[in-house]
Amino acid sequence: MKTWLNGRLLQSPDEPAISALDHGIIVGDGVFETVKVELDQPFALTRHLDRLVRSAEGLGIGTPDIGAIREGIAATLEGQDLAFGRIRITVTSGPGPLGSPRGAAGLTTVVIAEPSERPPSISQIATVPWTRNEHGALSGLKTTSYAENALMVEYALARGASEAVMANTAGQLCEGTGANIMYVIGDQLVTPTLAAGPLAGVTRALVLEWCAGELDVVERDAPIDVLQTADEVILVGTTRDVQAISKVDDREVRAPGPITAKAQEIWAREAAKGIDP
């Protein structure tokens, strides 16, 4: 693992380096991206950096220095020889006073690169009793305010699942804590619309683009209970790629079903061509 902070490569990721008054710590006032790395190459990096900027500007903390972040990524990847790993980019509003008002010291930017385990091609999910507020101030932004997600994931893990999936305030299927959700009805691959409140996932967008010519893919909202009758269920995310789901709560689901298998085949073929970093 290598860590870069505001232009400086740290000797160790445990090295004290961030102010105790940084608002990323005080109030979770920041944004982030996680980027998959395969054979030392970041995947879809430009798309992730574009979303980082949208999130930061949407949160009102300013525009991150993308040139510096790219330098940080190069510095943390150098000499690592990552067959599979991930890059975590975090940008906070920087040091400030105790409480919610922000300071004026400038942004804190952290880049971490580390090896990681490749997720399995099949997993399980649990639906949770909490909702995502599709009308909230942070809707559609990838912020560091993840305590809600952490609680949901722990709920899912305690039930033998790897991801928690939630509805929005209208009871419509929304998203997972760190992945987008898709499902199959008949021969149709369906995912919630962005109006339902999910994050505009990079993998979600690529699946929609790449599968559109070979599968019947639609964006459509439905009650979360659709997962209890869907023929197939899929999670899509940065490191999960296209992951088949074999169990939703206590319900067994065919995994991978034929549509999921086709989507995985398309993903593998197109991803192998590489995405502009």
C-alpha atoms as a PDB file:
ATOM      1  CA  MET A   1       0.000   0.000   0.000  1.00  0.00           C
ATOM      2  CA  LYS A   2       1.243   3.492  -0.897  1.00  0.00           C
ATOM      3  CA  THR A   3      -0.252   6.816   0.203  1.00  0.00           C
ATOM      4  CA  TRP A   4       0.072  10.290  -1.338  1.00  0.00           C
ATOM      5  CA  LEU A   5      -1.157  13.397   0.479  1.00  0.00           C
ATOM      6  CA  ASN A   6      -1.300  16.890  -1.025  1.00  0.00           C
ATOM      7  CA  GLY A   7       1.715  16.296  -3.261  1.00  0.00           C
ATOM      8  CA  ARG A   8       3.805  14.214  -0.863  1.00  0.00           C
ATOM      9  CA  LEU A   9       4.338  10.459  -0.866  1.00  0.00           C
ATOM     10  CA  LEU A  10       4.126   9.264   2.733  1.00  0.00           C
ATOM     11  CA  GLN A  11       6.629   6.843   4.217  1.00  0.00           C
ATOM     12  CA  SER A  12       3.766   4.737   5.582  1.00  0.00           C
ATOM     13  CA  PRO A  13      -0.042   4.865   5.324  1.00  0.00           C
ATOM     14  CA  ASP A  14      -0.046   4.994   9.142  1.00  0.00           C
ATOM     15  CA  GLU A  15       2.124   8.114   9.240  1.00  0.00           C
ATOM     16  CA  PRO A  16       0.356  11.015  11.026  1.00  0.00           C
ATOM     17  CA  ALA A  17      -0.409  13.446   8.237  1.00  0.00           C
ATOM     18  CA  ILE A  18      -3.897  14.990   8.434  1.00  0.00           C
ATOM     19  CA  SER A  19      -5.020  17.688  10.840  1.00  0.00           C
ATOM     20  CA  ALA A  20      -7.326  16.554  13.627  1.00  0.00           C
ATOM     21  CA  LEU A  21      -9.488  19.484  12.546  1.00  0.00           C
ATOM     22  CA  ASP A  22      -9.842  18.289   8.943  1.00  0.00           C
ATOM     23  CA  HIS A  23     -13.537  18.376   8.090  1.00  0.00           C
ATOM     24  CA  GLY A  24     -13.262  14.971   6.494  1.00  0.00           C
ATOM     25  CA  ILE A  25     -12.852  13.737  10.072  1.00  0.00           C
ATOM     26  CA  ILE A  26     -14.959  16.282  11.939  1.00  0.00           C
ATOM     27  CA  VAL A  27     -18.136  16.102   9.822  1.00  0.00           C
ATOM     28  CA  GLY A  28     -17.388  13.726   6.914  1.00  0.00           C
ATOM     29  CA  ASP A  29     -17.238  16.696   4.540  1.00  0.00           C
ATOM     30  CA  GLY A  30     -15.625  15.244   1.464  1.00  0.00           C
ATOM     31  CA  VAL A  31     -15.952  13.158  -1.680  1.00  0.00           C
ATOM     32  CA  PHE A  32     -14.162  10.081  -2.975  1.00  0.00           C
ATOM     33  CA  GLU A  33     -13.692   7.603  -5.785  1.00  0.00           C
ATOM     34  CA  THR A  34     -12.479   4.011  -5.849  1.00  0.00           C
ATOM     35  CA  VAL A  35     -10.792   2.935  -9.087  1.00  0.00           C
ATOM     36  CA  LYS A  36     -10.032  -0.644 -10.060  1.00  0.00           C
ATOM     37  CA  VAL A  37      -6.462  -1.496 -11.053  1.00  0.00           C
ATOM     38  CA  GLU A  38      -5.559  -4.482 -13.218  1.00  0.00           C
ATOM     39  CA  LEU A  39      -1.982  -5.185 -14.296  1.00  0.00           C
ATOM     40  CA  ASP A  40      -0.969  -1.755 -12.945  1.00  0.00           C
ATOM     41  CA  GLN A  41      -3.546   0.018 -15.142  1.00  0.00           C
ATOM     42  CA  PRO A  42      -6.402   2.069 -13.623  1.00  0.00           C
ATOM     43  CA  PHE A  43      -9.725   1.174 -15.226  1.00  0.00           C
ATOM     44  CA  ALA A  44     -12.029   3.952 -16.490  1.00  0.00           C
ATOM     45  CA  LEU A  45      -9.978   6.521 -14.588  1.00  0.00           C
ATOM     46  CA  THR A  46     -11.196   9.527 -16.571  1.00  0.00           C
ATOM     47  CA  ARG A  47     -14.824   8.660 -15.833  1.00  0.00           C
ATOM     48  CA  HIS A  48     -14.053   8.332 -12.137  1.00  0.00           C
ATOM     49  CA  LEU A  49     -12.188  11.643 -12.057  1.00  0.00           C
ATOM     50  CA  ASP A  50     -15.029  13.374 -13.890  1.00  0.00           C
ATOM     51  CA  ARG A  51     -17.463  12.084 -11.258  1.00  0.00           C
ATOM     52  CA  LEU A  52     -15.113  13.168  -8.466  1.00  0.00           C
ATOM     53  CA  VAL A  53     -15.270  16.714  -9.807  1.00  0.00           C
ATOM     54  CA  ARG A  54     -19.077  16.577 -10.109  1.00  0.00           C
ATOM     55  CA  SER A  55     -19.373  15.340  -6.531  1.00  0.00           C
ATOM     56  CA  ALA A  56     -16.968  17.948  -5.129  1.00  0.00           C
ATOM     57  CA  GLU A  57     -18.649  20.806  -6.953  1.00  0.00           C
ATOM     58  CA  GLY A  58     -22.081  19.469  -6.028  1.00  0.00           C
ATOM     59  CA  LEU A  59     -21.021  19.360  -2.377  1.00  0.00           C
ATOM     60  CA  GLY A  60     -19.728  22.912  -2.711  1.00  0.00           C
ATOM     61  CA  ILE A  61     -16.143  22.264  -1.601  1.00  0.00           C
ATOM     62  CA  GLY A  62     -14.530  23.434  -4.834  1.00  0.00           C
ATOM     63  CA  THR A  63     -12.862  21.751  -7.813  1.00  0.00           C
ATOM     64  CA  PRO A  64     -10.163  19.157  -7.111  1.00  0.00           C
ATOM     65  CA  ASP A  65      -6.794  19.498  -8.873  1.00  0.00           C
ATOM     66  CA  ILE A  66      -7.113  16.594 -11.298  1.00  0.00           C
ATOM     67  CA  GLY A  67      -3.580  17.059 -12.643  1.00  0.00           C
ATOM     68  CA  ALA A  68      -2.150  16.682  -9.148  1.00  0.00           C
ATOM     69  CA  ILE A  69      -4.383  13.683  -8.470  1.00  0.00           C
ATOM     70  CA  ARG A  70      -3.098  11.965 -11.602  1.00  0.00           C
ATOM     71  CA  GLU A  71       0.437  12.583 -10.345  1.00  0.00           C
ATOM     72  CA  GLY A  72      -0.551  11.063  -6.999  1.00  0.00           C
ATOM     73  CA  ILE A  73      -1.966   8.017  -8.733  1.00  0.00           C
ATOM     74  CA  ALA A  74       1.235   7.516 -10.718  1.00  0.00           C
ATOM     75  CA  ALA A  75       3.332   7.915  -7.566  1.00  0.00           C
ATOM     76  CA  THR A  76       1.314   5.370  -5.577  1.00  0.00           C
ATOM     77  CA  LEU A  77       1.265   2.819  -8.397  1.00  0.00           C
ATOM     78  CA  GLU A  78       5.002   3.039  -9.097  1.00  0.00           C
ATOM     79  CA  GLY A  79       6.802  -0.135  -8.076  1.00  0.00           C
ATOM     80  CA  GLN A  80       3.671  -1.855  -6.758  1.00  0.00           C
ATOM     81  CA  ASP A  81       3.204  -4.414  -9.583  1.00  0.00           C
ATOM     82  CA  LEU A  82      -0.543  -4.701  -8.924  1.00  0.00           C
ATOM     83  CA  ALA A  83      -2.122  -7.647 -10.701  1.00  0.00           C
ATOM     84  CA  PHE A  84      -5.416  -6.589  -9.102  1.00  0.00           C
ATOM     85  CA  GLY A  85      -5.984  -3.732  -6.730  1.00  0.00           C
ATOM     86  CA  ARG A  86      -7.703  -0.454  -6.146  1.00  0.00           C
ATOM     87  CA  ILE A  87      -6.995   3.231  -5.871  1.00  0.00           C
ATOM     88  CA  ARG A  88      -8.889   5.315  -3.332  1.00  0.00           C
ATOM     89  CA  ILE A  89      -9.021   9.061  -4.020  1.00  0.00           C
ATOM     90  CA  THR A  90     -10.383  11.222  -1.191  1.00  0.00           C
ATOM     91  CA  VAL A  91     -10.872  14.983  -1.279  1.00  0.00           C
ATOM     92  CA  THR A  92     -12.128  16.835   1.800  1.00  0.00           C
ATOM     93  CA  SER A  93     -12.937  20.498   2.401  1.00  0.00           C
ATOM     94  CA  GLY A  94      -9.754  20.654   4.487  1.00  0.00           C
ATOM     95  CA  PRO A  95      -9.067  21.905   8.019  1.00  0.00           C
ATOM     96  CA  GLY A  96     -11.796  23.964   9.617  1.00  0.00           C
ATOM     97  CA  PRO A  97     -13.406  24.864  12.926  1.00  0.00           C
ATOM     98  CA  LEU A  98     -15.237  22.398  15.109  1.00  0.00           C
ATOM     99  CA  GLY A  99     -18.808  22.131  13.890  1.00  0.00           C
ATOM    100  CA  SER A 100     -20.280  22.319  10.428  1.00  0.00           C
ATOM    101  CA  PRO A 101     -18.991  25.634   8.985  1.00  0.00           C
ATOM    102  CA  ARG A 102     -16.008  25.139   6.705  1.00  0.00           C
ATOM    103  CA  GLY A 103     -12.577  26.697   6.964  1.00  0.00           C
ATOM    104  CA  ALA A 104     -10.551  28.408   4.232  1.00  0.00           C
ATOM    105  CA  ALA A 105      -7.298  26.438   4.401  1.00  0.00           C
ATOM    106  CA  GLY A 106      -7.899  24.601   1.123  1.00  0.00           C
ATOM    107  CA  LEU A 107      -8.732  21.052   0.124  1.00  0.00           C
ATOM    108  CA  THR A 108      -7.096  17.937   1.533  1.00  0.00           C
ATOM    109  CA  THR A 109      -6.387  15.358  -1.164  1.00  0.00           C
ATOM    110  CA  VAL A 110      -5.342  11.771  -0.443  1.00  0.00           C
ATOM    111  CA  VAL A 111      -4.560   8.983  -2.918  1.00  0.00           C
ATOM    112  CA  ILE A 112      -4.012   5.393  -1.742  1.00  0.00           C
ATOM    113  CA  ALA A 113      -3.174   2.403  -3.937  1.00  0.00           C
ATOM    114  CA  GLU A 114      -3.223  -1.137  -2.605  1.00  0.00           C
ATOM    115  CA  PRO A 115      -3.504  -4.747  -3.768  1.00  0.00           C
ATOM    116  CA  SER A 116      -6.843  -6.382  -3.065  1.00  0.00           C
ATOM    117  CA  GLU A 117      -8.729  -9.619  -3.478  1.00  0.00           C
ATOM    118  CA  ARG A 118     -10.862 -10.020  -6.579  1.00  0.00           C
ATOM    119  CA  PRO A 119     -14.539 -10.389  -5.532  1.00  0.00           C
ATOM    120  CA  PRO A 120     -16.244 -13.692  -6.398  1.00  0.00           C
ATOM    121  CA  SER A 121     -18.428 -13.894  -9.504  1.00  0.00           C
ATOM    122  CA  ILE A 122     -21.451 -14.885  -7.385  1.00  0.00           C
ATOM    123  CA  SER A 123     -22.621 -13.376  -4.099  1.00  0.00           C
ATOM    124  CA  GLN A 124     -25.671 -12.722  -1.895  1.00  0.00           C
ATOM    125  CA  ILE A 125     -27.551  -9.586  -0.893  1.00  0.00           C
ATOM    126  CA  ALA A 126     -29.863  -8.535   1.923  1.00  0.00           C
ATOM    127  CA  THR A 127     -32.524  -5.859   1.705  1.00  0.00           C
ATOM    128  CA  VAL A 128     -32.480  -3.433   4.636  1.00  0.00           C
ATOM    129  CA  PRO A 129     -35.242  -1.690   6.601  1.00  0.00           C
ATOM    130  CA  TRP A 130     -33.818   1.782   5.903  1.00  0.00           C
ATOM    131  CA  THR A 131     -34.300   3.977   2.853  1.00  0.00           C
ATOM    132  CA  ARG A 132     -32.177   6.211   0.650  1.00  0.00           C
ATOM    133  CA  ASN A 133     -33.446   9.792   0.425  1.00  0.00           C
ATOM    134  CA  GLU A 134     -33.587  10.473  -3.288  1.00  0.00           C
ATOM    135  CA  HIS A 135     -34.459  14.113  -2.533  1.00  0.00           C
ATOM    136  CA  GLY A 136     -31.635  14.722  -0.023  1.00  0.00           C
ATOM    137  CA  ALA A 137     -28.848  17.284  -0.374  1.00  0.00           C
ATOM    138  CA  LEU A 138     -26.298  14.518  -1.045  1.00  0.00           C
ATOM    139  CA  SER A 139     -28.382  12.491  -3.503  1.00  0.00           C
ATOM    140  CA  GLY A 140     -26.285  11.469  -6.496  1.00  0.00           C
ATOM    141  CA  LEU A 141     -23.014  12.601  -4.893  1.00  0.00           C
ATOM    142  CA  LYS A 142     -20.279  10.170  -3.857  1.00  0.00           C
ATOM    143  CA  THR A 143     -19.408  11.654  -0.471  1.00  0.00           C
ATOM    144  CA  THR A 144     -17.364  10.426   2.479  1.00  0.00           C
ATOM    145  CA  SER A 145     -20.457  10.590   4.713  1.00  0.00           C
ATOM    146  CA  TYR A 146     -20.748   6.789   4.711  1.00  0.00           C
ATOM    147  CA  ALA A 147     -21.818   5.992   8.277  1.00  0.00           C
ATOM    148  CA  GLU A 148     -25.298   5.121   7.020  1.00  0.00           C
ATOM    149  CA  ASN A 149     -23.811   2.716   4.479  1.00  0.00           C
ATOM    150  CA  ALA A 150     -21.509   1.177   7.082  1.00  0.00           C
ATOM    151  CA  LEU A 151     -24.514   0.394   9.275  1.00  0.00           C
ATOM    152  CA  MET A 152     -26.360  -1.171   6.347  1.00  0.00           C
ATOM    153  CA  VAL A 153     -23.402  -3.322   5.317  1.00  0.00           C
ATOM    154  CA  GLU A 154     -23.005  -4.636   8.856  1.00  0.00           C
ATOM    155  CA  TYR A 155     -26.690  -5.551   8.801  1.00  0.00           C
ATOM    156  CA  ALA A 156     -26.150  -7.500   5.566  1.00  0.00           C
ATOM    157  CA  LEU A 157     -22.952  -9.207   6.743  1.00  0.00           C
ATOM    158  CA  ALA A 158     -24.716 -10.405   9.880  1.00  0.00           C
ATOM    159  CA  ARG A 159     -27.197 -12.179   7.576  1.00  0.00           C
ATOM    160  CA  GLY A 160     -24.577 -13.872   5.417  1.00  0.00           C
ATOM    161  CA  ALA A 161     -24.761 -11.377   2.553  1.00  0.00           C
ATOM    162  CA  SER A 162     -21.953  -9.264   1.089  1.00  0.00           C
ATOM    163  CA  GLU A 163     -24.040  -6.201   0.213  1.00  0.00           C
ATOM    164  CA  ALA A 164     -27.075  -4.345   1.496  1.00  0.00           C
ATOM    165  CA  VAL A 165     -29.727  -3.135  -0.949  1.00  0.00           C
ATOM    166  CA  MET A 166     -32.259  -0.444  -0.109  1.00  0.00           C
ATOM    167  CA  ALA A 167     -35.382   1.267  -1.372  1.00  0.00           C
ATOM    168  CA  ASN A 168     -35.836   5.001  -1.712  1.00  0.00           C
ATOM    169  CA  THR A 169     -38.413   6.995   0.252  1.00  0.00           C
ATOM    170  CA  ALA A 170     -41.119   6.037  -2.282  1.00  0.00           C
ATOM    171  CA  GLY A 171     -40.443   2.323  -1.744  1.00  0.00           C
ATOM    172  CA  GLN A 172     -38.769   1.948  -5.134  1.00  0.00           C
ATOM    173  CA  LEU A 173     -35.673  -0.192  -5.586  1.00  0.00           C
ATOM    174  CA  CYS A 174     -32.680   2.139  -5.366  1.00  0.00           C
ATOM    175  CA  GLU A 175     -29.150   0.744  -4.944  1.00  0.00           C
ATOM    176  CA  GLY A 176     -26.632  -1.075  -2.807  1.00  0.00           C
ATOM    177  CA  THR A 177     -24.264   0.705  -0.446  1.00  0.00           C
ATOM    178  CA  GLY A 178     -21.358   0.373  -2.872  1.00  0.00           C
ATOM    179  CA  ALA A 179     -22.885  -1.086  -6.018  1.00  0.00           C
ATOM    180  CA  ASN A 180     -25.748  -0.571  -8.411  1.00  0.00           C
ATOM    181  CA  ILE A 181     -28.493  -3.160  -8.698  1.00  0.00           C
ATOM    182  CA  MET A 182     -29.907  -4.778 -11.832  1.00  0.00           C
ATOM    183  CA  TYR A 183     -32.392  -7.581 -12.316  1.00  0.00           C
ATOM    184  CA  VAL A 184     -33.936  -9.708 -15.046  1.00  0.00           C
ATOM    185  CA  ILE A 185     -37.625 -10.092 -15.857  1.00  0.00           C
ATOM    186  CA  GLY A 186     -38.120 -12.546 -18.703  1.00  0.00           C
ATOM    187  CA  ASP A 187     -35.454 -11.573 -21.230  1.00  0.00           C
ATOM    188  CA  GLN A 188     -35.186  -7.950 -20.106  1.00  0.00           C
ATOM    189  CA  LEU A 189     -32.318  -6.537 -18.046  1.00  0.00           C
ATOM    190  CA  VAL A 190     -33.634  -3.732 -15.824  1.00  0.00           C
ATOM    191  CA  THR A 191     -31.989  -1.171 -13.550  1.00  0.00           C
ATOM    192  CA  PRO A 192     -33.523   1.712 -11.552  1.00  0.00           C
ATOM    193  CA  THR A 193     -33.473   5.167 -13.109  1.00  0.00           C
ATOM    194  CA  LEU A 194     -31.163   7.808 -11.662  1.00  0.00           C
ATOM    195  CA  ALA A 195     -34.291   9.699 -10.591  1.00  0.00           C
ATOM    196  CA  ALA A 196     -34.857   6.941  -8.013  1.00  0.00           C
ATOM    197  CA  GLY A 197     -31.748   8.145  -6.189  1.00  0.00           C
ATOM    198  CA  PRO A 198     -28.902   5.714  -6.930  1.00  0.00           C
ATOM    199  CA  LEU A 199     -25.383   6.901  -7.587  1.00  0.00           C
ATOM    200  CA  ALA A 200     -24.591   7.184 -11.292  1.00  0.00           C
ATOM    201  CA  GLY A 201     -22.181   4.259 -11.203  1.00  0.00           C
ATOM    202  CA  VAL A 202     -19.335   4.074 -13.700  1.00  0.00           C
ATOM    203  CA  THR A 203     -19.810   0.319 -14.108  1.00  0.00           C
ATOM    204  CA  ARG A 204     -23.586   0.804 -14.389  1.00  0.00           C
ATOM    205  CA  ALA A 205     -23.099   3.254 -17.260  1.00  0.00           C
ATOM    206  CA  LEU A 206     -20.680   0.954 -19.069  1.00  0.00           C
ATOM    207  CA  VAL A 207     -22.988  -2.063 -18.706  1.00  0.00           C
ATOM    208  CA  LEU A 208     -25.856  -0.041 -20.165  1.00  0.00           C
ATOM    209  CA  GLU A 209     -23.683   1.112 -23.067  1.00  0.00           C
ATOM    210  CA  TRP A 210     -22.004  -2.183 -23.823  1.00  0.00           C
ATOM    211  CA  CYS A 211     -25.038  -4.439 -23.458  1.00  0.00           C
ATOM    212  CA  ALA A 212     -27.504  -2.227 -25.326  1.00  0.00           C
ATOM    213  CA  GLY A 213     -26.754  -3.756 -28.727  1.00  0.00           C
ATOM    214  CA  GLU A 214     -27.019  -7.382 -27.594  1.00  0.00           C
ATOM    215  CA  LEU A 215     -29.527  -7.428 -24.729  1.00  0.00           C
ATOM    216  CA  ASP A 216     -32.855  -5.750 -24.041  1.00  0.00           C
ATOM    217  CA  VAL A 217     -31.670  -3.275 -21.391  1.00  0.00           C
ATOM    218  CA  VAL A 218     -33.951  -0.671 -19.801  1.00  0.00           C
ATOM    219  CA  GLU A 219     -33.932   1.846 -16.968  1.00  0.00           C
ATOM    220  CA  ARG A 220     -37.234   1.553 -15.094  1.00  0.00           C
ATOM    221  CA  ASP A 221     -38.391   2.053 -11.523  1.00  0.00           C
ATOM    222  CA  ALA A 222     -40.262  -0.589  -9.556  1.00  0.00           C
ATOM    223  CA  PRO A 223     -41.008  -1.406  -5.904  1.00  0.00           C
ATOM    224  CA  ILE A 224     -38.100  -3.056  -4.061  1.00  0.00           C
ATOM    225  CA  ASP A 225     -40.253  -6.183  -3.815  1.00  0.00           C
ATOM    226  CA  VAL A 226     -39.423  -6.837  -7.472  1.00  0.00           C
ATOM    227  CA  LEU A 227     -36.289  -8.561  -6.168  1.00  0.00           C
ATOM    228  CA  GLN A 228     -38.513 -11.239  -4.648  1.00  0.00           C
ATOM    229  CA  THR A 229     -39.880 -12.237  -8.063  1.00  0.00           C
ATOM    230  CA  ALA A 230     -37.060 -11.355 -10.485  1.00  0.00           C
ATOM    231  CA  ASP A 231     -35.657 -14.210 -12.557  1.00  0.00           C
ATOM    232  CA  GLU A 232     -32.072 -13.035 -12.031  1.00  0.00           C
ATOM    233  CA  VAL A 233     -30.403 -10.398  -9.865  1.00  0.00           C
ATOM    234  CA  ILE A 234     -27.078  -8.653 -10.512  1.00  0.00           C
ATOM    235  CA  LEU A 235     -24.788  -6.248  -8.702  1.00  0.00           C
ATOM    236  CA  VAL A 236     -22.509  -4.020 -10.777  1.00  0.00           C
ATOM    237  CA  GLY A 237     -19.647  -2.033  -9.286  1.00  0.00           C
ATOM    238  CA  THR A 238     -16.043  -0.939  -9.564  1.00  0.00           C
ATOM    239  CA  THR A 239     -14.403  -4.117  -8.300  1.00  0.00           C
ATOM    240  CA  ARG A 240     -17.415  -6.453  -8.538  1.00  0.00           C
ATOM    241  CA  ASP A 241     -17.797  -5.802 -12.288  1.00  0.00           C
ATOM    242  CA  VAL A 242     -20.944  -7.812 -13.172  1.00  0.00           C
ATOM    243  CA  GLN A 243     -21.685 -10.065 -10.220  1.00  0.00           C
ATOM    244  CA  ALA A 244     -24.447 -12.677 -10.166  1.00  0.00           C
ATOM    245  CA  ILE A 245     -26.611 -12.851  -7.035  1.00  0.00           C
ATOM    246  CA  SER A 246     -27.641 -16.290  -5.814  1.00  0.00           C
ATOM    247  CA  LYS A 247     -29.713 -15.220  -2.815  1.00  0.00           C
ATOM    248  CA  VAL A 248     -31.880 -12.213  -1.959  1.00  0.00           C
ATOM    249  CA  ASP A 249     -32.657 -12.346   1.757  1.00  0.00           C
ATOM    250  CA  ASP A 250     -33.962 -15.936   2.124  1.00  0.00           C
ATOM    251  CA  ARG A 251     -34.886 -16.376  -1.533  1.00  0.00           C
ATOM    252  CA  GLU A 252     -32.682 -18.504  -3.791  1.00  0.00           C
ATOM    253  CA  VAL A 253     -32.051 -17.070  -7.271  1.00  0.00           C
ATOM    254  CA  ARG A 254     -30.509 -18.728 -10.312  1.00  0.00           C
ATOM    255  CA  ALA A 255     -26.924 -17.490 -10.561  1.00  0.00           C
ATOM    256  CA  PRO A 256     -25.715 -16.906 -13.080  1.00  0.00           C
ATOM    257  CA  GLY A 257     -28.833 -17.055 -15.200  1.00  0.00           C
ATOM    258  CA  PRO A 258     -28.606 -16.787 -18.999  1.00  0.00           C
ATOM    259  CA  ILE A 259     -28.972 -12.990 -19.146  1.00  0.00           C
ATOM    260  CA  THR A 260     -26.443 -12.481 -16.372  1.00  0.00           C
ATOM    261  CA  ALA A 261     -24.016 -14.849 -18.087  1.00  0.00           C
ATOM    262  CA  LYS A 262     -24.407 -12.932 -21.344  1.00  0.00           C
ATOM    263  CA  ALA A 263     -23.852  -9.604 -19.566  1.00  0.00           C
ATOM    264  CA  GLN A 264     -20.712 -11.020 -17.930  1.00  0.00           C
ATOM    265  CA  GLU A 265     -19.479 -12.234 -21.307  1.00  0.00           C
ATOM    266  CA  ILE A 266     -20.050  -8.816 -22.885  1.00  0.00           C
ATOM    267  CA  TRP A 267     -18.363  -7.076 -19.954  1.00  0.00           C
ATOM    268  CA  ALA A 268     -15.278  -9.295 -20.103  1.00  0.00           C
ATOM    269  CA  ARG A 269     -14.943  -8.832 -23.844  1.00  0.00           C
ATOM    270  CA  GLU A 270     -15.331  -5.047 -23.830  1.00  0.00           C
ATOM    271  CA  ALA A 271     -13.323  -4.418 -20.654  1.00  0.00           C
ATOM    272  CA  ALA A 272     -10.403  -6.363 -22.135  1.00  0.00           C
ATOM    273  CA  LYS A 273     -10.118  -3.645 -24.778  1.00  0.00           C
ATOM    274  CA  GLY A 274      -9.305  -1.149 -22.050  1.00  0.00           C
ATOM    275  CA  ILE A 275     -10.791   2.224 -21.134  1.00  0.00           C
ATOM    276  CA  ASP A 276      -8.985   5.548 -21.585  1.00  0.00           C
ATOM    277  CA  PRO A 277      -7.215   6.074 -18.237  1.00  0.00           C
END
